[in-house]
């Protein structure tokens, strides 16, 4: 019964959003001028594909060219988890990463440990790799053969039991899987729509979708929510160009306390031969620009893979969408949007 009520509520909110959205919502301005807020190249990092938010020491984790680094803002990346017991993977796929905090997993006697990184591994068999704070890596879980993991995020809100969530591409859709701290795998949604990229769990302030997994669908341009019962709802339509390697790909929720002194960061992966070949760098947009654009804590920020065109989604009783930024025209955005406070 709870699942049925949830589905009706999601449908109602989605209908309100759809009716409320018009072309003017996404227009850069009545005079057609370009948006003043822009992603700009911040740091050249060859083959960068994803980032995590700040570790306990304030550094970001960077996944690039099949390896990991840590990045203290204002410095160059420092190699992390290298050597025979470290982490490495083929640089071709998209090994997105997620950073754990100290969360006890519901129904278990264990917890995920702060500063431990989890990376999806698209090898055969597909799985998830764990890299502890000291840089020691191990195979954490195997996933069913025939799937291709393509998204990873922690449930820090608790509606999924504080588990690690992984999306995996099927031949004609996506499975949502939940992993406990012992590596046990269960299926939340066996056949969700096609989606991938910087998946995130919505904070408690995100209206009807609080605690749901939020995922972009680059093919349709929709922002989707998957609830703990496996129900799928349309949060909003991005209004951005859609299609393979073009549509919405990266996402991140603005954290509590974020202000003008902070900034947002995004991987811009080099993709030779693509219409959006990438800048091979980490992109940055300042907190001052985001605040000026009306962004506030709790908003969902979503960027397209092609050109890093960016919207802000805000959900309360209904959801609203505004375009807030563009990136370099050549951008090939990947993975999560992460936020770091200022000095």
Protein backbone atom coordinates (compact mmCIF):
# COMPACT_ATOMS: atom_id res chain seq x y z
CA UNK A 1 0.00 0.00 0.00
CA UNK A 2 2.83 2.39 0.82
CA UNK A 3 4.28 1.78 -2.66
CA UNK A 4 0.93 2.56 -4.25
CA UNK A 5 0.57 5.82 -2.33
CA UNK A 6 4.11 6.76 -3.24
CA UNK A 7 3.45 6.15 -6.92
CA UNK A 8 0.35 8.34 -6.92
CA UNK A 9 2.18 11.13 -5.12
CA UNK A 10 5.09 10.99 -7.58
CA UNK A 11 2.69 11.04 -10.52
CA UNK A 12 0.83 14.04 -9.10
CA UNK A 13 3.98 16.05 -8.50
CA UNK A 14 5.36 15.11 -11.92
CA UNK A 15 2.15 16.27 -13.60
CA UNK A 16 2.29 19.59 -11.76
CA UNK A 17 5.92 20.02 -12.80
CA UNK A 18 5.18 19.16 -16.43
CA UNK A 19 2.29 21.59 -16.62
CA UNK A 20 4.28 24.32 -14.91
CA UNK A 21 7.32 24.07 -17.17
CA UNK A 22 7.44 26.06 -20.39
CA UNK A 23 10.10 27.19 -22.81
CA UNK A 24 10.54 30.41 -20.88
CA UNK A 25 11.72 28.45 -17.85
CA UNK A 26 14.84 27.37 -19.70
CA UNK A 27 15.53 30.56 -21.67
CA UNK A 28 18.82 32.28 -20.78
CA UNK A 29 17.02 35.60 -20.71
CA UNK A 30 14.35 37.54 -22.53
CA UNK A 31 16.98 39.18 -24.72
CA UNK A 32 18.64 35.86 -25.58
CA UNK A 33 22.02 36.78 -24.12
CA UNK A 34 24.30 34.04 -22.79
CA UNK A 35 24.13 33.21 -19.10
CA UNK A 36 26.74 35.03 -16.99
CA UNK A 37 27.42 31.94 -14.84
CA UNK A 38 29.88 29.57 -16.48
CA UNK A 39 31.91 26.49 -15.72
CA UNK A 40 35.59 27.29 -16.33
CA UNK A 41 38.65 25.06 -16.57
CA UNK A 42 40.17 24.88 -13.11
CA UNK A 43 42.91 22.25 -13.34
CA UNK A 44 44.29 20.11 -16.17
CA UNK A 45 43.91 16.43 -15.21
CA UNK A 46 44.43 13.94 -18.08
CA UNK A 47 41.50 11.50 -18.55
CA UNK A 48 39.61 12.74 -15.48
CA UNK A 49 36.25 10.98 -15.15
CA UNK A 50 34.84 11.61 -11.65
CA UNK A 51 35.29 13.31 -8.27
CA UNK A 52 34.08 12.83 -4.71
CA UNK A 53 33.25 15.55 -2.26
CA UNK A 54 35.62 16.53 0.54
CA UNK A 55 37.31 13.87 2.67
CA UNK A 56 37.75 14.53 6.38
CA UNK A 57 40.97 16.43 5.60
CA UNK A 58 39.17 18.65 3.06
CA UNK A 59 40.69 17.07 -0.06
CA UNK A 60 38.73 15.80 -3.04
CA UNK A 61 39.21 12.33 -4.54
CA UNK A 62 39.89 12.32 -8.28
CA UNK A 63 39.40 9.34 -10.61
CA UNK A 64 41.47 9.77 -13.79
CA UNK A 65 43.19 7.50 -16.31
CA UNK A 66 42.35 4.35 -14.35
CA UNK A 67 43.89 5.59 -11.07
CA UNK A 68 43.06 7.74 -8.05
CA UNK A 69 44.52 10.96 -6.63
CA UNK A 70 43.64 13.31 -3.82
CA UNK A 71 43.39 17.01 -4.46
CA UNK A 72 43.80 19.79 -1.95
CA UNK A 73 42.43 22.89 -3.58
CA UNK A 74 45.20 25.23 -4.62
CA UNK A 75 47.68 22.37 -5.17
CA UNK A 76 48.33 19.66 -7.73
CA UNK A 77 46.78 16.18 -7.34
CA UNK A 78 48.70 13.73 -5.16
CA UNK A 79 48.80 10.07 -6.23
CA UNK A 80 46.64 7.86 -3.99
CA UNK A 81 46.21 4.10 -3.68
CA UNK A 82 49.13 3.28 -5.98
CA UNK A 83 51.39 0.22 -5.84
CA UNK A 84 50.76 -3.54 -5.71
CA UNK A 85 47.93 -3.30 -3.15
CA UNK A 86 46.49 -0.11 -4.59
CA UNK A 87 43.79 0.64 -7.12
CA UNK A 88 43.94 0.56 -10.88
CA UNK A 89 41.49 -0.17 -13.67
CA UNK A 90 41.25 0.11 -17.44
CA UNK A 91 41.11 3.83 -18.34
CA UNK A 92 38.56 3.34 -21.15
CA UNK A 93 35.33 2.69 -19.18
CA UNK A 94 33.74 5.11 -16.69
CA UNK A 95 34.73 3.93 -13.19
CA UNK A 96 32.66 6.40 -11.15
CA UNK A 97 33.42 6.67 -7.44
CA UNK A 98 31.66 7.42 -4.14
CA UNK A 99 33.03 8.39 -0.72
CA UNK A 100 31.77 6.76 2.46
CA UNK A 101 31.04 8.36 5.81
CA UNK A 102 30.56 6.59 9.15
CA UNK A 103 27.07 5.15 8.64
CA UNK A 104 25.74 2.06 10.41
CA UNK A 105 23.84 -0.02 7.86
CA UNK A 106 20.31 -0.96 8.91
CA UNK A 107 19.91 -4.62 9.88
CA UNK A 108 23.65 -5.27 10.16
CA UNK A 109 26.36 -5.09 12.78
CA UNK A 110 28.77 -3.22 10.51
CA UNK A 111 29.14 0.19 8.95
CA UNK A 112 30.89 1.89 6.08
CA UNK A 113 34.03 3.75 7.18
CA UNK A 114 34.73 7.43 6.60
CA UNK A 115 37.12 8.26 3.75
CA UNK A 116 36.77 4.84 2.14
CA UNK A 117 36.22 5.13 -1.61
CA UNK A 118 34.09 2.73 -3.63
CA UNK A 119 34.56 2.45 -7.38
CA UNK A 120 32.42 0.64 -9.92
CA UNK A 121 34.40 -1.88 -11.93
CA UNK A 122 33.03 -2.65 -15.40
CA UNK A 123 35.31 -5.70 -15.82
CA UNK A 124 34.20 -9.29 -16.32
CA UNK A 125 32.66 -10.05 -13.93
CA UNK A 126 31.47 -6.54 -13.09
CA UNK A 127 31.72 -5.42 -9.49
CA UNK A 128 32.67 -2.80 -6.93
CA UNK A 129 36.15 -2.12 -5.55
CA UNK A 130 36.80 -0.75 -2.05
CA UNK A 131 39.79 1.54 -1.38
CA UNK A 132 40.38 2.32 2.28
CA UNK A 133 41.76 5.57 3.70
CA UNK A 134 45.30 4.14 3.62
CA UNK A 135 45.03 3.36 -0.10
CA UNK A 136 44.61 -0.42 0.17
CA UNK A 137 42.20 -1.79 -2.45
CA UNK A 138 40.19 -5.00 -2.53
CA UNK A 139 37.31 -6.47 -4.48
CA UNK A 140 34.24 -5.55 -2.40
CA UNK A 141 31.39 -7.19 -4.31
CA UNK A 142 30.66 -9.00 -7.54
CA UNK A 143 27.65 -8.05 -9.63
CA UNK A 144 25.65 -10.27 -11.91
CA UNK A 145 27.29 -11.02 -15.24
CA UNK A 146 25.82 -9.30 -18.26
CA UNK A 147 25.34 -6.01 -16.43
CA UNK A 148 27.42 -2.87 -16.80
CA UNK A 149 27.66 -0.76 -13.61
CA UNK A 150 27.25 2.90 -14.54
CA UNK A 151 26.44 4.85 -11.35
CA UNK A 152 27.28 4.80 -7.64
CA UNK A 153 26.16 6.78 -4.57
CA UNK A 154 25.77 6.40 -0.82
CA UNK A 155 22.45 6.65 0.95
CA UNK A 156 23.36 9.18 3.64
CA UNK A 157 19.66 9.94 4.30
CA UNK A 158 18.60 6.45 5.36
CA UNK A 159 15.56 5.48 3.30
CA UNK A 160 17.63 2.76 1.62
CA UNK A 161 19.07 1.65 4.97
CA UNK A 162 22.32 3.64 4.60
CA UNK A 163 23.51 1.23 1.92
CA UNK A 164 25.68 1.79 -1.14
CA UNK A 165 23.57 2.16 -4.29
CA UNK A 166 24.76 1.06 -7.72
CA UNK A 167 22.99 1.32 -11.06
CA UNK A 168 23.80 -1.28 -13.71
CA UNK A 169 22.88 -1.14 -17.37
CA UNK A 170 20.87 -4.04 -18.79
CA UNK A 171 20.18 -4.77 -22.45
CA UNK A 172 17.03 -2.61 -22.36
CA UNK A 173 17.07 -0.69 -19.09
CA UNK A 174 18.76 -0.33 -15.71
CA UNK A 175 18.84 -2.28 -12.46
CA UNK A 176 19.21 -0.48 -9.11
CA UNK A 177 21.20 -2.52 -6.61
CA UNK A 178 21.88 -1.93 -2.89
CA UNK A 179 25.07 -3.15 -1.21
CA UNK A 180 25.47 -3.54 2.53
CA UNK A 181 28.73 -3.08 4.42
CA UNK A 182 29.55 -6.79 4.16
CA UNK A 183 29.27 -6.76 0.36
CA UNK A 184 25.81 -8.33 0.23
CA UNK A 185 23.87 -7.31 -2.87
CA UNK A 186 20.09 -6.93 -3.15
CA UNK A 187 17.93 -5.60 -5.96
CA UNK A 188 15.79 -2.49 -5.41
CA UNK A 189 14.51 -2.05 -8.97
CA UNK A 190 15.13 -4.92 -11.42
CA UNK A 191 14.11 -3.00 -14.51
CA UNK A 192 14.20 0.80 -14.29
CA UNK A 193 14.47 3.08 -17.35
CA UNK A 194 17.85 3.71 -18.95
CA UNK A 195 19.96 6.08 -16.84
CA UNK A 196 23.57 6.64 -15.77
CA UNK A 197 26.05 9.14 -14.43
CA UNK A 198 26.27 11.18 -11.25
CA UNK A 199 23.44 9.58 -9.29
CA UNK A 200 22.65 11.08 -5.88
CA UNK A 201 20.29 10.47 -2.93
CA UNK A 202 18.04 13.47 -2.33
CA UNK A 203 18.22 15.26 1.04
CA UNK A 204 15.25 15.45 3.40
CA UNK A 205 14.40 18.92 2.09
CA UNK A 206 13.74 17.73 -1.49
CA UNK A 207 9.94 17.65 -1.35
CA UNK A 208 8.12 14.47 -2.39
CA UNK A 209 11.40 12.90 -3.50
CA UNK A 210 13.28 13.27 -0.20
CA UNK A 211 15.52 10.24 0.32
CA UNK A 212 14.95 8.86 -3.18
CA UNK A 213 17.77 8.09 -5.58
CA UNK A 214 17.93 10.85 -8.20
CA UNK A 215 19.35 9.94 -11.61
CA UNK A 216 19.64 11.73 -14.97
CA UNK A 217 18.56 10.13 -18.25
CA UNK A 218 20.61 11.61 -21.07
CA UNK A 219 18.41 10.04 -23.76
CA UNK A 220 15.08 11.55 -22.70
CA UNK A 221 16.38 14.58 -20.77
CA UNK A 222 14.36 13.57 -17.73
CA UNK A 223 15.48 13.71 -14.10
CA UNK A 224 14.24 10.50 -12.47
CA UNK A 225 13.66 9.39 -8.88
CA UNK A 226 13.72 5.77 -7.71
CA UNK A 227 12.15 5.17 -4.30
CA UNK A 228 13.15 2.38 -1.86
CA UNK A 229 10.28 0.22 -3.14
CA UNK A 230 11.66 0.37 -6.69
CA UNK A 231 9.05 2.81 -7.99
CA UNK A 232 10.27 5.21 -10.67
CA UNK A 233 9.00 8.79 -10.96
CA UNK A 234 9.81 11.74 -13.21
CA UNK A 235 11.03 14.63 -11.04
CA UNK A 236 11.36 17.09 -13.93
CA UNK A 237 12.25 17.45 -17.58
CA UNK A 238 15.57 19.20 -18.00
CA UNK A 239 14.68 21.22 -21.09
CA UNK A 240 18.25 20.69 -22.32
CA UNK A 241 19.32 18.94 -25.52
CA UNK A 242 19.09 15.16 -25.11
CA UNK A 243 20.69 12.09 -26.62
CA UNK A 244 23.75 9.89 -26.24
CA UNK A 245 26.83 11.85 -25.08
CA UNK A 246 24.72 15.04 -25.11
CA UNK A 247 21.99 14.96 -22.49
CA UNK A 248 21.92 15.29 -18.69
CA UNK A 249 24.70 13.24 -17.10
CA UNK A 250 26.15 14.81 -13.94
CA UNK A 251 24.34 15.70 -10.73
CA UNK A 252 24.96 16.93 -7.21
CA UNK A 253 22.98 18.39 -4.30
CA UNK A 254 24.15 21.69 -2.86
CA UNK A 255 25.17 20.85 0.73
CA UNK A 256 24.04 22.62 3.91
CA UNK A 257 26.06 25.74 4.68
CA UNK A 258 27.25 26.23 1.12
CA UNK A 259 27.76 29.94 0.39
CA UNK A 260 29.61 32.45 -1.77
CA UNK A 261 33.01 31.33 -0.50
CA UNK A 262 32.68 27.76 -1.82
CA UNK A 263 32.65 26.31 -5.34
CA UNK A 264 31.33 23.41 -7.41
CA UNK A 265 33.58 21.04 -9.37
CA UNK A 266 32.95 18.70 -12.31
CA UNK A 267 35.05 16.30 -14.40
CA UNK A 268 35.41 17.23 -18.09
CA UNK A 269 36.71 14.08 -19.72
CA UNK A 270 38.78 14.09 -22.93
CA UNK A 271 36.83 12.22 -25.62
CA UNK A 272 38.64 12.37 -28.98
CA UNK A 273 36.40 12.22 -32.03
CA UNK A 274 33.29 13.18 -30.08
CA UNK A 275 31.32 16.32 -31.05
CA UNK A 276 32.13 17.43 -27.48
CA UNK A 277 35.76 16.29 -27.17
CA UNK A 278 36.30 17.62 -23.64
CA UNK A 279 38.95 19.84 -22.12
CA UNK A 280 40.75 17.13 -20.09
CA UNK A 281 40.29 19.15 -16.92
CA UNK A 282 38.31 19.68 -13.76
CA UNK A 283 35.76 22.45 -14.27
CA UNK A 284 34.79 24.93 -11.55
CA UNK A 285 32.02 27.43 -10.95
CA UNK A 286 32.34 29.76 -7.96
CA UNK A 287 29.95 29.89 -5.05
CA UNK A 288 29.55 33.61 -5.67
CA UNK A 289 28.27 32.93 -9.18
CA UNK A 290 25.97 30.14 -8.00
CA UNK A 291 24.48 32.29 -5.23
CA UNK A 292 24.04 35.15 -7.69
CA UNK A 293 22.16 32.71 -9.95
CA UNK A 294 19.76 31.97 -7.07
CA UNK A 295 21.19 28.58 -6.09
CA UNK A 296 20.85 27.63 -2.43
CA UNK A 297 21.52 24.58 -0.21
CA UNK A 298 19.25 21.65 -1.02
CA UNK A 299 19.01 22.44 -4.73
CA UNK A 300 19.85 19.73 -7.24
CA UNK A 301 22.40 20.84 -9.85
CA UNK A 302 22.44 18.85 -13.09
CA UNK A 303 24.82 19.30 -16.05
CA UNK A 304 24.58 17.90 -19.56
CA UNK A 305 27.34 15.71 -20.93
CA UNK A 306 27.65 17.86 -24.04
CA UNK A 307 28.70 21.41 -23.18
CA UNK A 308 28.03 21.20 -19.40
CA UNK A 309 24.76 23.09 -19.78
CA UNK A 310 23.47 23.28 -16.22
CA UNK A 311 20.10 23.51 -14.49
CA UNK A 312 19.03 23.88 -10.87
CA UNK A 313 16.06 21.82 -9.68
CA UNK A 314 14.26 22.81 -6.48
CA UNK A 315 11.51 20.65 -5.00
CA UNK A 316 9.12 21.53 -2.18
CA UNK A 317 5.36 21.16 -2.74
CA UNK A 318 6.17 21.22 -6.46
CA UNK A 319 9.42 21.21 -8.40
CA UNK A 320 10.90 24.03 -10.47
CA UNK A 321 13.70 24.04 -13.02
CA UNK A 322 15.95 26.93 -14.06
CA UNK A 323 18.92 26.99 -16.37
CA UNK A 324 21.79 28.55 -14.47
CA UNK A 325 25.06 27.97 -16.34
CA UNK A 326 26.90 26.83 -19.44
CA UNK A 327 30.32 25.28 -19.81
CA UNK A 328 32.94 25.44 -22.50
CA UNK A 329 31.26 24.39 -25.76
CA UNK A 330 33.65 21.45 -26.09
CA UNK A 331 32.93 20.10 -22.59
CA UNK A 332 32.28 16.38 -22.10
CA UNK A 333 31.03 16.33 -18.52
CA UNK A 334 31.11 13.10 -16.51
CA UNK A 335 30.29 11.78 -13.06
CA UNK A 336 29.24 13.72 -10.00
CA UNK A 337 29.07 17.44 -9.30
CA UNK A 338 30.80 18.00 -5.99
CA UNK A 339 30.95 21.03 -3.70
CA UNK A 340 33.73 22.27 -1.49
CA UNK A 341 33.66 25.07 1.08
CA UNK A 342 35.87 28.09 0.84
CA UNK A 343 38.93 28.70 2.98
